[in-house]
C-alpha atoms as a PDB file:
ATOM      1  CA  MET A   1      89.620  57.064  42.932  1.00  0.00           C
ATOM      2  CA  TYR A   2      92.036  57.128  46.273  1.00  0.00           C
ATOM      3  CA  ILE A   3      92.304  54.124  48.892  1.00  0.00           C
ATOM      4  CA  ALA A   4      93.439  54.752  51.987  1.00  0.00           C
ATOM      5  CA  THR A   5      96.012  52.061  52.634  1.00  0.00           C
ATOM      6  CA  GLY A   6      95.564  48.964  53.649  1.00  0.00           C
ATOM      7  CA  PHE A   7      92.186  48.914  52.092  1.00  0.00           C
ATOM      8  CA  SER A   8      90.335  47.405  49.198  1.00  0.00           C
ATOM      9  CA  LEU A   9      86.962  47.853  47.137  1.00  0.00           C
ATOM     10  CA  ARG A  10      83.581  45.857  48.255  1.00  0.00           C
ATOM     11  CA  SER A  11      81.027  45.657  46.820  1.00  0.00           C
ATOM     12  CA  VAL A  12      76.992  44.696  47.504  1.00  0.00           C
ATOM     13  CA  LYS A  13      73.679  44.768  45.572  1.00  0.00           C
ATOM     14  CA  THR A  14      71.290  46.925  46.180  1.00  0.00           C
ATOM     15  CA  THR A  15      67.944  47.559  44.556  1.00  0.00           C
ATOM     16  CA  LEU A  16      69.277  50.574  42.307  1.00  0.00           C
ATOM     17  CA  GLY A  17      72.134  49.126  41.496  1.00  0.00           C
ATOM     18  CA  ARG A  18      76.130  47.958  42.993  1.00  0.00           C
ATOM     19  CA  LEU A  19      76.996  49.816  45.747  1.00  0.00           C
ATOM     20  CA  THR A  20      81.158  49.912  46.557  1.00  0.00           C
ATOM     21  CA  TYR A  21      82.528  50.419  49.885  1.00  0.00           C
ATOM     22  CA  ALA A  22      85.871  50.755  51.161  1.00  0.00           C
ATOM     23  CA  ALA A  23      87.088  47.467  53.517  1.00  0.00           C
ATOM     24  CA  PRO A  24      90.083  46.662  56.083  1.00  0.00           C
ATOM     25  CA  THR A  25      92.493  44.311  54.354  1.00  0.00           C
ATOM     26  CA  ASP A  26      94.432  41.286  55.859  1.00  0.00           C
ATOM     27  CA  PHE A  27      96.963  44.232  56.643  1.00  0.00           C
ATOM     28  CA  TRP A  28      94.461  44.838  59.922  1.00  0.00           C
ATOM     29  CA  GLU A  29      93.731  41.677  60.546  1.00  0.00           C
ATOM     30  CA  SER A  30      93.810  40.910  64.732  1.00  0.00           C
ATOM     31  CA  ASP A  31      92.626  38.866  66.756  1.00  0.00           C
ATOM     32  CA  VAL A  32      90.018  40.298  68.985  1.00  0.00           C
ATOM     33  CA  ALA A  33      87.154  40.750  67.410  1.00  0.00           C
ATOM     34  CA  ARG A  34      86.061  44.184  66.007  1.00  0.00           C
ATOM     35  CA  GLN A  35      83.104  45.800  65.089  1.00  0.00           C
ATOM     36  CA  PRO A  36      82.131  47.516  62.230  1.00  0.00           C
ATOM     37  CA  LEU A  37      82.158  51.065  62.293  1.00  0.00           C
ATOM     38  CA  VAL A  38      80.626  52.474  59.049  1.00  0.00           C
ATOM     39  CA  PHE A  39      81.255  56.054  57.389  1.00  0.00           C
ATOM     40  CA  PHE A  40      79.347  57.780  55.302  1.00  0.00           C
ATOM     41  CA  HIS A  41      80.127  60.913  53.192  1.00  0.00           C
ATOM     42  CA  GLY A  42      77.486  63.614  51.528  1.00  0.00           C
ATOM     43  CA  PHE A  43      75.937  65.392  48.728  1.00  0.00           C
ATOM     44  CA  GLY A  44      77.852  67.142  46.105  1.00  0.00           C
ATOM     45  CA  GLY A  45      79.060  67.585  42.676  1.00  0.00           C
ATOM     46  CA  GLY A  46      82.275  65.251  43.701  1.00  0.00           C
ATOM     47  CA  SER A  47      81.396  63.597  46.627  1.00  0.00           C
ATOM     48  CA  SER A  48      82.756  59.650  47.673  1.00  0.00           C
ATOM     49  CA  SER A  49      84.148  57.580  50.148  1.00  0.00           C
ATOM     50  CA  TYR A  50      87.313  59.980  49.941  1.00  0.00           C
ATOM     51  CA  GLU A  51      85.297  62.617  52.407  1.00  0.00           C
ATOM     52  CA  TRP A  52      86.465  59.754  55.238  1.00  0.00           C
ATOM     53  CA  SER A  53      89.591  58.505  53.345  1.00  0.00           C
ATOM     54  CA  GLN A  54      91.952  60.246  56.304  1.00  0.00           C
ATOM     55  CA  VAL A  55      89.699  59.479  59.265  1.00  0.00           C
ATOM     56  CA  TYR A  56      88.526  55.923  59.467  1.00  0.00           C
ATOM     57  CA  PRO A  57      91.981  54.265  58.893  1.00  0.00           C
ATOM     58  CA  ALA A  58      92.859  55.554  62.542  1.00  0.00           C
ATOM     59  CA  PHE A  59      90.038  53.080  64.028  1.00  0.00           C
ATOM     60  CA  ALA A  60      90.849  50.150  61.466  1.00  0.00           C
ATOM     61  CA  ALA A  61      92.801  48.584  65.086  1.00  0.00           C
ATOM     62  CA  ASP A  62      89.740  48.410  66.982  1.00  0.00           C
ATOM     63  CA  PHE A  63      87.402  48.793  64.579  1.00  0.00           C
ATOM     64  CA  VAL A  64      86.268  46.808  60.645  1.00  0.00           C
ATOM     65  CA  PRO A  65      86.153  50.740  59.333  1.00  0.00           C
ATOM     66  CA  LEU A  66      83.938  50.510  56.288  1.00  0.00           C
ATOM     67  CA  ALA A  67      82.933  53.119  54.108  1.00  0.00           C
ATOM     68  CA  PRO A  68      80.632  53.403  51.008  1.00  0.00           C
ATOM     69  CA  ASP A  69      79.930  55.036  47.558  1.00  0.00           C
ATOM     70  CA  LEU A  70      76.164  56.120  47.567  1.00  0.00           C
ATOM     71  CA  ILE A  71      74.791  54.556  44.955  1.00  0.00           C
ATOM     72  CA  GLY A  72      75.600  57.605  42.033  1.00  0.00           C
ATOM     73  CA  TRP A  73      78.881  58.647  43.369  1.00  0.00           C
ATOM     74  CA  GLY A  74      82.504  57.602  43.018  1.00  0.00           C
ATOM     75  CA  ASN A  75      82.855  53.877  42.881  1.00  0.00           C
ATOM     76  CA  SER A  76      79.602  52.545  42.419  1.00  0.00           C
ATOM     77  CA  ASP A  77      77.055  52.900  39.824  1.00  0.00           C
ATOM     78  CA  HIS A  78      75.628  55.370  38.726  1.00  0.00           C
ATOM     79  CA  PRO A  79      71.297  53.888  37.186  1.00  0.00           C
ATOM     80  CA  ASP A  80      70.233  56.880  34.705  1.00  0.00           C
ATOM     81  CA  ARG A  81      67.267  58.095  36.992  1.00  0.00           C
ATOM     82  CA  VAL A  82      66.160  61.176  38.808  1.00  0.00           C
ATOM     83  CA  TYR A  83      66.788  60.493  42.517  1.00  0.00           C
ATOM     84  CA  ALA A  84      64.553  60.934  45.217  1.00  0.00           C
ATOM     85  CA  VAL A  85      65.203  60.537  49.558  1.00  0.00           C
ATOM     86  CA  GLU A  86      63.414  57.159  49.124  1.00  0.00           C
ATOM     87  CA  ASP A  87      66.123  55.822  47.243  1.00  0.00           C
ATOM     88  CA  TYR A  88      68.634  56.765  49.459  1.00  0.00           C
ATOM     89  CA  LEU A  89      66.630  55.946  52.543  1.00  0.00           C
ATOM     90  CA  GLN A  90      66.352  52.200  51.175  1.00  0.00           C
ATOM     91  CA  THR A  91      69.853  51.609  49.678  1.00  0.00           C
ATOM     92  CA  ILE A  92      71.639  52.956  53.059  1.00  0.00           C
ATOM     93  CA  ALA A  93      69.661  50.574  55.048  1.00  0.00           C
ATOM     94  CA  GLU A  94      69.783  47.220  52.449  1.00  0.00           C
ATOM     95  CA  PHE A  95      74.112  47.756  53.152  1.00  0.00           C
ATOM     96  CA  LEU A  96      73.801  48.062  56.665  1.00  0.00           C
ATOM     97  CA  GLU A  97      71.783  44.525  56.602  1.00  0.00           C
ATOM     98  CA  ALA A  98      74.463  43.393  53.970  1.00  0.00           C
ATOM     99  CA  VAL A  99      77.569  44.082  55.964  1.00  0.00           C
ATOM    100  CA  CYS A 100      77.214  43.967  59.282  1.00  0.00           C
ATOM    101  CA  ASP A 101      75.394  41.557  61.501  1.00  0.00           C
ATOM    102  CA  ARG A 102      74.938  43.381  64.370  1.00  0.00           C
ATOM    103  CA  PRO A 103      73.793  47.189  65.353  1.00  0.00           C
ATOM    104  CA  VAL A 104      76.734  49.692  64.263  1.00  0.00           C
ATOM    105  CA  SER A 105      77.676  53.120  64.883  1.00  0.00           C
ATOM    106  CA  VAL A 106      77.048  55.551  61.960  1.00  0.00           C
ATOM    107  CA  ILE A 107      79.292  58.090  61.210  1.00  0.00           C
ATOM    108  CA  ALA A 108      77.368  60.560  58.276  1.00  0.00           C
ATOM    109  CA  SER A 109      77.712  64.370  56.767  1.00  0.00           C
ATOM    110  CA  SER A 110      75.272  66.631  56.055  1.00  0.00           C
ATOM    111  CA  LEU A 111      72.494  65.557  53.648  1.00  0.00           C
ATOM    112  CA  THR A 112      73.123  62.123  54.726  1.00  0.00           C
ATOM    113  CA  GLY A 113      73.167  63.017  57.683  1.00  0.00           C
ATOM    114  CA  ALA A 114      69.931  64.088  57.612  1.00  0.00           C
ATOM    115  CA  MET A 115      68.587  61.439  55.757  1.00  0.00           C
ATOM    116  CA  MET A 116      70.728  58.829  58.699  1.00  0.00           C
ATOM    117  CA  ILE A 117      68.274  59.875  60.595  1.00  0.00           C
ATOM    118  CA  ARG A 118      65.029  59.356  59.295  1.00  0.00           C
ATOM    119  CA  VAL A 119      66.383  55.727  58.126  1.00  0.00           C
ATOM    120  CA  ALA A 120      67.328  55.132  61.896  1.00  0.00           C
ATOM    121  CA  ILE A 121      63.482  56.404  63.059  1.00  0.00           C
ATOM    122  CA  ALA A 122      62.233  53.146  60.058  1.00  0.00           C
ATOM    123  CA  ARG A 123      64.543  51.125  61.459  1.00  0.00           C
ATOM    124  CA  PRO A 124      66.365  51.481  65.190  1.00  0.00           C
ATOM    125  CA  GLU A 125      67.409  47.740  64.598  1.00  0.00           C
ATOM    126  CA  LEU A 126      70.199  48.895  62.599  1.00  0.00           C
ATOM    127  CA  PHE A 127      71.693  51.346  64.745  1.00  0.00           C
ATOM    128  CA  LYS A 128      73.907  51.392  67.515  1.00  0.00           C
ATOM    129  CA  SER A 129      74.877  55.016  68.158  1.00  0.00           C
ATOM    130  CA  LEU A 130      75.328  58.369  65.878  1.00  0.00           C
ATOM    131  CA  ILE A 131      77.632  60.991  65.201  1.00  0.00           C
ATOM    132  CA  LEU A 132      76.615  63.261  62.015  1.00  0.00           C
ATOM    133  CA  VAL A 133      78.387  66.430  61.327  1.00  0.00           C
ATOM    134  CA  ALA A 134      75.893  69.286  60.198  1.00  0.00           C
ATOM    135  CA  PRO A 135      73.503  66.963  59.365  1.00  0.00           C
ATOM    136  CA  ALA A 136      70.862  69.056  57.941  1.00  0.00           C
ATOM    137  CA  GLY A 137      68.217  68.174  55.376  1.00  0.00           C
ATOM    138  CA  LEU A 138      68.884  71.597  53.563  1.00  0.00           C
ATOM    139  CA  SER A 139      64.813  73.085  54.009  1.00  0.00           C
ATOM    140  CA  ASP A 140      64.933  72.733  57.797  1.00  0.00           C
ATOM    141  CA  PHE A 141      62.264  74.341  59.638  1.00  0.00           C
ATOM    142  CA  GLY A 142      59.965  75.674  56.787  1.00  0.00           C
ATOM    143  CA  LYS A 143      63.113  77.292  53.965  1.00  0.00           C
ATOM    144  CA  ASP A 144      62.291  75.797  50.716  1.00  0.00           C
ATOM    145  CA  TYR A 145      65.492  75.209  49.237  1.00  0.00           C
ATOM    146  CA  THR A 146      63.894  74.407  45.549  1.00  0.00           C
ATOM    147  CA  ARG A 147      63.201  78.253  45.653  1.00  0.00           C
ATOM    148  CA  SER A 148      66.726  79.093  45.727  1.00  0.00           C
ATOM    149  CA  PHE A 149      68.559  80.575  42.557  1.00  0.00           C
ATOM    150  CA  PHE A 150      71.067  77.996  41.497  1.00  0.00           C
ATOM    151  CA  ALA A 151      68.372  75.460  42.331  1.00  0.00           C
ATOM    152  CA  GLN A 152      65.744  76.834  40.122  1.00  0.00           C
ATOM    153  CA  LEU A 153      68.683  77.237  37.248  1.00  0.00           C
ATOM    154  CA  VAL A 154      69.816  73.769  37.417  1.00  0.00           C
ATOM    155  CA  SER A 155      66.001  72.986  36.753  1.00  0.00           C
ATOM    156  CA  THR A 156      66.534  74.365  33.457  1.00  0.00           C
ATOM    157  CA  PRO A 157      66.272  71.428  30.944  1.00  0.00           C
ATOM    158  CA  ILE A 158      69.574  70.703  29.176  1.00  0.00           C
ATOM    159  CA  LEU A 159      70.912  74.028  31.253  1.00  0.00           C
ATOM    160  CA  ASP A 160      71.022  71.928  33.787  1.00  0.00           C
ATOM    161  CA  ARG A 161      73.736  69.342  32.116  1.00  0.00           C
ATOM    162  CA  VAL A 162      75.778  71.931  30.424  1.00  0.00           C
ATOM    163  CA  LEU A 163      76.243  73.415  33.782  1.00  0.00           C
ATOM    164  CA  TYR A 164      77.039  70.013  35.169  1.00  0.00           C
ATOM    165  CA  SER A 165      79.792  69.809  32.410  1.00  0.00           C
ATOM    166  CA  SER A 166      81.632  73.100  32.435  1.00  0.00           C
ATOM    167  CA  VAL A 167      81.465  74.432  35.509  1.00  0.00           C
ATOM    168  CA  LEU A 168      80.489  72.055  38.162  1.00  0.00           C
ATOM    169  CA  ALA A 169      82.143  68.676  36.764  1.00  0.00           C
ATOM    170  CA  THR A 170      85.780  70.583  36.304  1.00  0.00           C
ATOM    171  CA  SER A 171      89.032  70.965  38.496  1.00  0.00           C
ATOM    172  CA  GLY A 172      88.492  74.956  38.727  1.00  0.00           C
ATOM    173  CA  GLY A 173      85.107  75.043  39.153  1.00  0.00           C
ATOM    174  CA  ILE A 174      85.415  71.883  42.341  1.00  0.00           C
ATOM    175  CA  ARG A 175      88.420  74.219  43.337  1.00  0.00           C
ATOM    176  CA  GLY A 176      86.534  77.469  44.114  1.00  0.00           C
ATOM    177  CA  PHE A 177      83.213  76.078  45.361  1.00  0.00           C
ATOM    178  CA  LEU A 178      85.551  73.968  47.706  1.00  0.00           C
ATOM    179  CA  GLU A 179      87.201  77.415  48.729  1.00  0.00           C
ATOM    180  CA  GLN A 180      84.537  79.290  49.110  1.00  0.00           C
ATOM    181  CA  ARG A 181      81.916  77.516  49.793  1.00  0.00           C
ATOM    182  CA  GLN A 182      82.937  74.095  51.520  1.00  0.00           C
ATOM    183  CA  PHE A 183      85.661  75.017  53.244  1.00  0.00           C
ATOM    184  CA  ALA A 184      87.104  77.749  55.778  1.00  0.00           C
ATOM    185  CA  GLN A 185      90.738  78.201  55.038  1.00  0.00           C
ATOM    186  CA  SER A 186      91.822  77.842  51.627  1.00  0.00           C
ATOM    187  CA  ASP A 187      94.973  77.157  51.716  1.00  0.00           C
ATOM    188  CA  ARG A 188      93.232  73.219  53.880  1.00  0.00           C
ATOM    189  CA  VAL A 189      92.293  72.716  50.497  1.00  0.00           C
ATOM    190  CA  SER A 190      95.273  70.300  48.488  1.00  0.00           C
ATOM    191  CA  GLU A 191      95.623  69.112  44.865  1.00  0.00           C
ATOM    192  CA  GLU A 192      95.016  65.549  46.354  1.00  0.00           C
ATOM    193  CA  ILE A 193      91.338  67.049  48.183  1.00  0.00           C
ATOM    194  CA  VAL A 194      90.477  68.295  44.370  1.00  0.00           C
ATOM    195  CA  ALA A 195      91.848  65.832  42.013  1.00  0.00           C
ATOM    196  CA  ALA A 196      89.185  62.815  44.301  1.00  0.00           C
ATOM    197  CA  TYR A 197      86.550  65.311  43.813  1.00  0.00           C
ATOM    198  CA  LEU A 198      87.392  65.221  39.785  1.00  0.00           C
ATOM    199  CA  ALA A 199      87.324  61.399  39.314  1.00  0.00           C
ATOM    200  CA  SER A 200      84.469  60.989  41.236  1.00  0.00           C
ATOM    201  CA  ALA A 201      82.601  64.049  39.419  1.00  0.00           C
ATOM    202  CA  GLN A 202      83.249  62.958  35.915  1.00  0.00           C
ATOM    203  CA  GLN A 203      82.255  59.257  36.521  1.00  0.00           C
ATOM    204  CA  PRO A 204      79.676  58.670  33.638  1.00  0.00           C
ATOM    205  CA  ASN A 205      76.296  59.411  34.731  1.00  0.00           C
ATOM    206  CA  ALA A 206      77.658  60.905  38.143  1.00  0.00           C
ATOM    207  CA  ASP A 207      75.752  64.139  36.680  1.00  0.00           C
ATOM    208  CA  ARG A 208      72.210  61.830  37.556  1.00  0.00           C
ATOM    209  CA  ALA A 209      72.834  61.940  41.151  1.00  0.00           C
ATOM    210  CA  ALA A 210      74.974  65.370  41.773  1.00  0.00           C
ATOM    211  CA  LEU A 211      71.692  67.341  39.899  1.00  0.00           C
ATOM    212  CA  SER A 212      69.266  65.822  41.713  1.00  0.00           C
ATOM    213  CA  PHE A 213      70.927  67.096  45.136  1.00  0.00           C
ATOM    214  CA  VAL A 214      71.261  70.408  43.777  1.00  0.00           C
ATOM    215  CA  ARG A 215      68.126  70.836  42.239  1.00  0.00           C
ATOM    216  CA  GLY A 216      66.365  69.779  45.467  1.00  0.00           C
ATOM    217  CA  ASP A 217      64.971  66.743  45.245  1.00  0.00           C
ATOM    218  CA  LEU A 218      66.715  65.659  47.774  1.00  0.00           C
ATOM    219  CA  CYS A 219      65.829  68.069  50.080  1.00  0.00           C
ATOM    220  CA  PHE A 220      63.486  67.853  52.964  1.00  0.00           C
ATOM    221  CA  ASP A 221      62.337  69.135  56.139  1.00  0.00           C
ATOM    222  CA  LEU A 222      64.517  67.422  58.767  1.00  0.00           C
ATOM    223  CA  ALA A 223      62.774  69.607  61.661  1.00  0.00           C
ATOM    224  CA  GLU A 224      59.329  67.435  61.098  1.00  0.00           C
ATOM    225  CA  TYR A 225      61.449  64.448  61.747  1.00  0.00           C
ATOM    226  CA  ILE A 226      64.465  64.460  64.332  1.00  0.00           C
ATOM    227  CA  ASP A 227      61.441  63.723  67.447  1.00  0.00           C
ATOM    228  CA  ARG A 228      61.376  60.871  66.664  1.00  0.00           C
ATOM    229  CA  LEU A 229      64.826  59.145  66.920  1.00  0.00           C
ATOM    230  CA  THR A 230      65.784  57.191  69.631  1.00  0.00           C
ATOM    231  CA  THR A 231      69.336  56.089  68.485  1.00  0.00           C
ATOM    232  CA  PRO A 232      71.554  57.785  70.918  1.00  0.00           C
ATOM    233  CA  THR A 233      72.787  60.858  68.536  1.00  0.00           C
ATOM    234  CA  ALA A 234      75.993  63.670  69.054  1.00  0.00           C
ATOM    235  CA  LEU A 235      75.970  66.602  66.372  1.00  0.00           C
ATOM    236  CA  LEU A 236      79.743  68.184  65.865  1.00  0.00           C
ATOM    237  CA  TRP A 237      79.452  70.916  63.286  1.00  0.00           C
ATOM    238  CA  GLY A 238      81.796  73.647  61.949  1.00  0.00           C
ATOM    239  CA  THR A 239      81.326  77.593  63.154  1.00  0.00           C
ATOM    240  CA  GLN A 240      81.772  78.696  59.513  1.00  0.00           C
ATOM    241  CA  SER A 241      80.098  76.145  58.255  1.00  0.00           C
ATOM    242  CA  GLN A 242      78.038  78.476  55.210  1.00  0.00           C
ATOM    243  CA  PHE A 243      74.910  76.280  54.023  1.00  0.00           C
ATOM    244  CA  THR A 244      73.578  74.990  57.430  1.00  0.00           C
ATOM    245  CA  PRO A 245      75.267  77.458  60.246  1.00  0.00           C
ATOM    246  CA  VAL A 246      75.505  76.107  63.464  1.00  0.00           C
ATOM    247  CA  GLU A 247      72.202  78.219  64.564  1.00  0.00           C
ATOM    248  CA  ILE A 248      69.758  75.424  62.002  1.00  0.00           C
ATOM    249  CA  GLY A 249      72.102  72.615  64.516  1.00  0.00           C
ATOM    250  CA  ARG A 250      71.493  74.015  67.701  1.00  0.00           C
ATOM    251  CA  GLN A 251      67.453  74.152  66.730  1.00  0.00           C
ATOM    252  CA  LEU A 252      67.471  70.213  65.548  1.00  0.00           C
ATOM    253  CA  ALA A 253      69.452  69.710  69.010  1.00  0.00           C
ATOM    254  CA  GLU A 254      66.960  71.260  71.111  1.00  0.00           C
ATOM    255  CA  LYS A 255      64.227  69.125  69.488  1.00  0.00           C
ATOM    256  CA  ASN A 256      65.077  65.792  70.663  1.00  0.00           C
ATOM    257  CA  PRO A 257      67.351  66.467  73.630  1.00  0.00           C
ATOM    258  CA  LYS A 258      66.359  63.211  74.445  1.00  0.00           C
ATOM    259  CA  ALA A 259      68.274  61.144  71.637  1.00  0.00           C
ATOM    260  CA  ILE A 260      71.122  64.054  71.021  1.00  0.00           C
ATOM    261  CA  ARG A 261      72.928  63.629  74.137  1.00  0.00           C
ATOM    262  CA  TYR A 262      76.016  65.760  72.386  1.00  0.00           C
ATOM    263  CA  PHE A 263      76.562  68.923  70.671  1.00  0.00           C
ATOM    264  CA  GLU A 264      80.174  69.793  69.526  1.00  0.00           C
ATOM    265  CA  THR A 265      81.395  72.816  67.656  1.00  0.00           C
ATOM    266  CA  ILE A 266      84.777  72.839  65.951  1.00  0.00           C
ATOM    267  CA  PRO A 267      85.989  76.731  65.410  1.00  0.00           C
ATOM    268  CA  ASP A 268      86.656  77.711  62.624  1.00  0.00           C
ATOM    269  CA  VAL A 269      85.962  75.003  60.238  1.00  0.00           C
ATOM    270  CA  GLY A 270      83.150  74.722  57.748  1.00  0.00           C
ATOM    271  CA  LEU A 271      80.483  71.996  56.043  1.00  0.00           C
ATOM    272  CA  THR A 272      83.172  69.197  56.173  1.00  0.00           C
ATOM    273  CA  PRO A 273      86.085  69.040  58.997  1.00  0.00           C
ATOM    274  CA  GLN A 274      86.749  65.411  58.314  1.00  0.00           C
ATOM    275  CA  LEU A 275      88.438  66.839  55.266  1.00  0.00           C
ATOM    276  CA  GLU A 276      89.851  70.313  56.711  1.00  0.00           C
ATOM    277  CA  VAL A 277      90.653  68.782  60.467  1.00  0.00           C
ATOM    278  CA  PRO A 278      91.022  64.967  60.440  1.00  0.00           C
ATOM    279  CA  ALA A 279      92.993  64.833  63.201  1.00  0.00           C
ATOM    280  CA  VAL A 280      90.395  67.058  65.045  1.00  0.00           C
ATOM    281  CA  THR A 281      87.928  64.769  64.013  1.00  0.00           C
ATOM    282  CA  VAL A 282      89.318  61.786  64.241  1.00  0.00           C
ATOM    283  CA  GLY A 283      89.639  62.898  68.248  1.00  0.00           C
ATOM    284  CA  LEU A 284      86.715  63.760  68.045  1.00  0.00           C
ATOM    285  CA  ILE A 285      84.395  60.755  67.741  1.00  0.00           C
ATOM    286  CA  GLN A 286      86.995  58.879  69.502  1.00  0.00           C
ATOM    287  CA  LYS A 287      85.806  60.359  72.416  1.00  0.00           C
ATOM    288  CA  LEU A 288      81.742  60.619  71.864  1.00  0.00           C
ATOM    289  CA  LEU A 289      81.910  56.659  70.864  1.00  0.00           C
ATOM    290  CA  PRO A 290      82.367  55.671  74.297  1.00  0.00           C
ATOM    291  CA  GLN A 291      79.721  57.904  75.846  1.00  0.00           C
ATOM    292  CA  LEU A 292      77.321  57.031  73.426  1.00  0.00           C
ATOM    293  CA  GLU A 293      77.571  53.570  74.084  1.00  0.00           C
ATOM    294  CA  LEU A 294      77.082  54.628  77.917  1.00  0.00           C
ATOM    295  CA  ALA A 295      74.407  56.292  77.178  1.00  0.00           C
END
């Protein structure tokens, strides 16, 4: 699978298996002491650390960028199990404990961003700051994602895996989803992006984590937790995000203005600006990181 130039794969052991991450090689060797900066991808068929691969190399001169594949995704282990929110809260904390010897700044997207808020509430000593792209639990403010048509459809045994292999984990299925639901402009979906998602989606047992997500096993109401966050945080939100509209983001931010210091919207962008407009995303992170450290 795709790894950015100047980076290589490493791994750590977690409770659920081997978690693989991209880390800088000697290409970026420097006499300057650099702090870790960790980039976590979101959820969805074919998700992986590739999601941040056009962004994290821009920070290698000043930081040690790390980009993990969550358990069940990308190059990490894919245990044959039904996944729960607690699995990811635990393995995210284990990863940060294993690779970071100090509080770190973390960048994360979508449902993983929402989970990061819960990890930061439980383990605030692990974090210096958070920059989160459209973080939402997908059942926010009392909405029950599991009642949606698609969640009900993939909750049917046998049918769920048939749908995954014949629709979700195909080149056409991935391109269609990216163009119609994830990106604001379909011409921004490149062949490389489709190929990277497809490679992750077709890993052995990749359907286990993906179906746990689509069924709603990993969803929760972030509004019930966010007011307990104390880590300085910035939220980024594409104005054309379909799954989690900007209005949801504003409501979440208003619940905790003490911790959520910045709310930035990105015009004409969907759920993943890090893929759709990576240069803009780099610029916003570069602007927000020092501001959060002073907050």
